[in-house]
């Protein structure tokens, strides 16, 4: 398991501010209470396999879900099964992001 590939909300904010332009992907099946992070693409976890070939392996990719659990597993799948090296999971998910932004 790649626990070293978890990224905190603070680290993601620094990436965005530094204009590193990570690809941010919201893998939640439904978006209701917490709106997506600005600039994020919405690719539900159930559909991620259909999009793998469209993702750029050379870009930094940050995945997030509600609490960081599903995005952690999808991150590992992309890393282990598909050879993505620059993919991260937002620790604590969208809930942690909104607490950080308060």
Protein backbone atom coordinates (compact mmCIF):
# COMPACT_ATOMS: atom_id res chain seq x y z
CA UNK A 1 0.00 0.00 0.00
CA UNK A 2 1.28 3.46 -0.89
CA UNK A 3 0.62 5.52 2.22
CA UNK A 4 3.44 7.84 1.14
CA UNK A 5 1.30 8.88 -1.82
CA UNK A 6 -1.35 10.56 0.31
CA UNK A 7 -1.46 14.32 -0.17
CA UNK A 8 -2.83 16.71 2.43
CA UNK A 9 -5.24 19.53 1.61
CA UNK A 10 -2.40 21.96 2.40
CA UNK A 11 -0.09 20.23 -0.09
CA UNK A 12 -2.78 20.29 -2.78
CA UNK A 13 -3.37 24.00 -2.17
CA UNK A 14 0.39 24.63 -2.58
CA UNK A 15 0.40 22.69 -5.86
CA UNK A 16 -2.50 24.77 -7.16
CA UNK A 17 -0.93 28.06 -6.04
CA UNK A 18 2.42 27.09 -7.61
CA UNK A 19 0.63 26.58 -10.93
CA UNK A 20 1.75 22.93 -11.05
CA UNK A 21 -1.61 22.24 -12.69
CA UNK A 22 -2.35 18.81 -11.27
CA UNK A 23 -5.22 16.90 -12.81
CA UNK A 24 -7.73 16.76 -9.97
CA UNK A 25 -10.34 14.01 -10.23
CA UNK A 26 -13.45 13.73 -8.09
CA UNK A 27 -14.32 10.02 -8.03
CA UNK A 28 -17.48 10.33 -5.92
CA UNK A 29 -20.45 8.62 -7.51
CA UNK A 30 -22.75 11.50 -6.62
CA UNK A 31 -21.92 15.08 -5.80
CA UNK A 32 -24.37 16.70 -3.44
CA UNK A 33 -23.38 18.20 -0.11
CA UNK A 34 -19.77 19.19 -0.81
CA UNK A 35 -19.28 20.71 -4.23
CA UNK A 36 -16.21 19.65 -6.26
CA UNK A 37 -12.83 21.31 -5.82
CA UNK A 38 -12.57 24.09 -8.38
CA UNK A 39 -11.16 22.76 -11.65
CA UNK A 40 -11.74 19.11 -10.76
CA UNK A 41 -12.99 16.62 -13.32
CA UNK A 42 -15.79 14.30 -12.23
CA UNK A 43 -15.08 10.68 -13.10
CA UNK A 44 -17.06 8.36 -10.81
CA UNK A 45 -15.06 5.44 -9.40
CA UNK A 46 -17.38 3.00 -11.17
CA UNK A 47 -16.35 4.52 -14.52
CA UNK A 48 -12.62 5.06 -13.95
CA UNK A 49 -11.58 2.03 -16.03
CA UNK A 50 -13.20 3.57 -19.10
CA UNK A 51 -11.04 6.70 -18.67
CA UNK A 52 -7.65 5.14 -17.89
CA UNK A 53 -6.45 5.33 -21.49
CA UNK A 54 -7.37 9.05 -21.59
CA UNK A 55 -5.32 9.95 -18.49
CA UNK A 56 -1.82 11.33 -19.02
CA UNK A 57 0.69 9.24 -17.06
CA UNK A 58 3.23 12.09 -17.17
CA UNK A 59 0.98 14.57 -15.34
CA UNK A 60 0.40 14.74 -11.60
CA UNK A 61 -3.04 13.33 -10.80
CA UNK A 62 -4.81 13.89 -7.48
CA UNK A 63 -7.87 11.76 -6.74
CA UNK A 64 -10.42 12.44 -4.05
CA UNK A 65 -13.69 11.05 -2.75
CA UNK A 66 -15.71 11.70 0.42
CA UNK A 67 -13.18 10.61 3.06
CA UNK A 68 -10.16 9.40 1.08
CA UNK A 69 -10.83 5.67 1.26
CA UNK A 70 -12.08 5.00 -2.29
CA UNK A 71 -9.55 7.38 -3.82
CA UNK A 72 -6.76 5.54 -1.96
CA UNK A 73 -7.79 2.23 -3.53
CA UNK A 74 -8.22 3.73 -7.01
CA UNK A 75 -4.80 5.41 -6.66
CA UNK A 76 -3.18 2.07 -5.84
CA UNK A 77 -4.96 0.38 -8.74
CA UNK A 78 -3.67 3.06 -11.15
CA UNK A 79 -0.14 2.77 -9.73
CA UNK A 80 0.12 -1.01 -9.45
CA UNK A 81 -2.03 -2.26 -12.34
CA UNK A 82 -1.54 0.56 -14.86
CA UNK A 83 1.90 2.04 -14.15
CA UNK A 84 0.91 5.56 -13.08
CA UNK A 85 3.77 7.04 -11.02
CA UNK A 86 2.46 10.55 -10.31
CA UNK A 87 -0.94 9.77 -8.85
CA UNK A 88 -1.96 10.75 -5.33
CA UNK A 89 -4.98 10.48 -3.05
CA UNK A 90 -6.25 13.47 -1.08
CA UNK A 91 -5.95 12.46 2.57
CA UNK A 92 -9.33 12.82 4.26
CA UNK A 93 -11.10 13.46 0.95
CA UNK A 94 -13.40 16.38 0.15
CA UNK A 95 -14.44 16.58 3.80
CA UNK A 96 -10.84 17.37 4.84
CA UNK A 97 -10.55 19.86 1.97
CA UNK A 98 -13.57 21.82 3.16
CA UNK A 99 -12.40 21.78 6.78
CA UNK A 100 -9.03 23.11 5.60
CA UNK A 101 -10.72 25.87 3.54
CA UNK A 102 -12.91 27.08 6.47
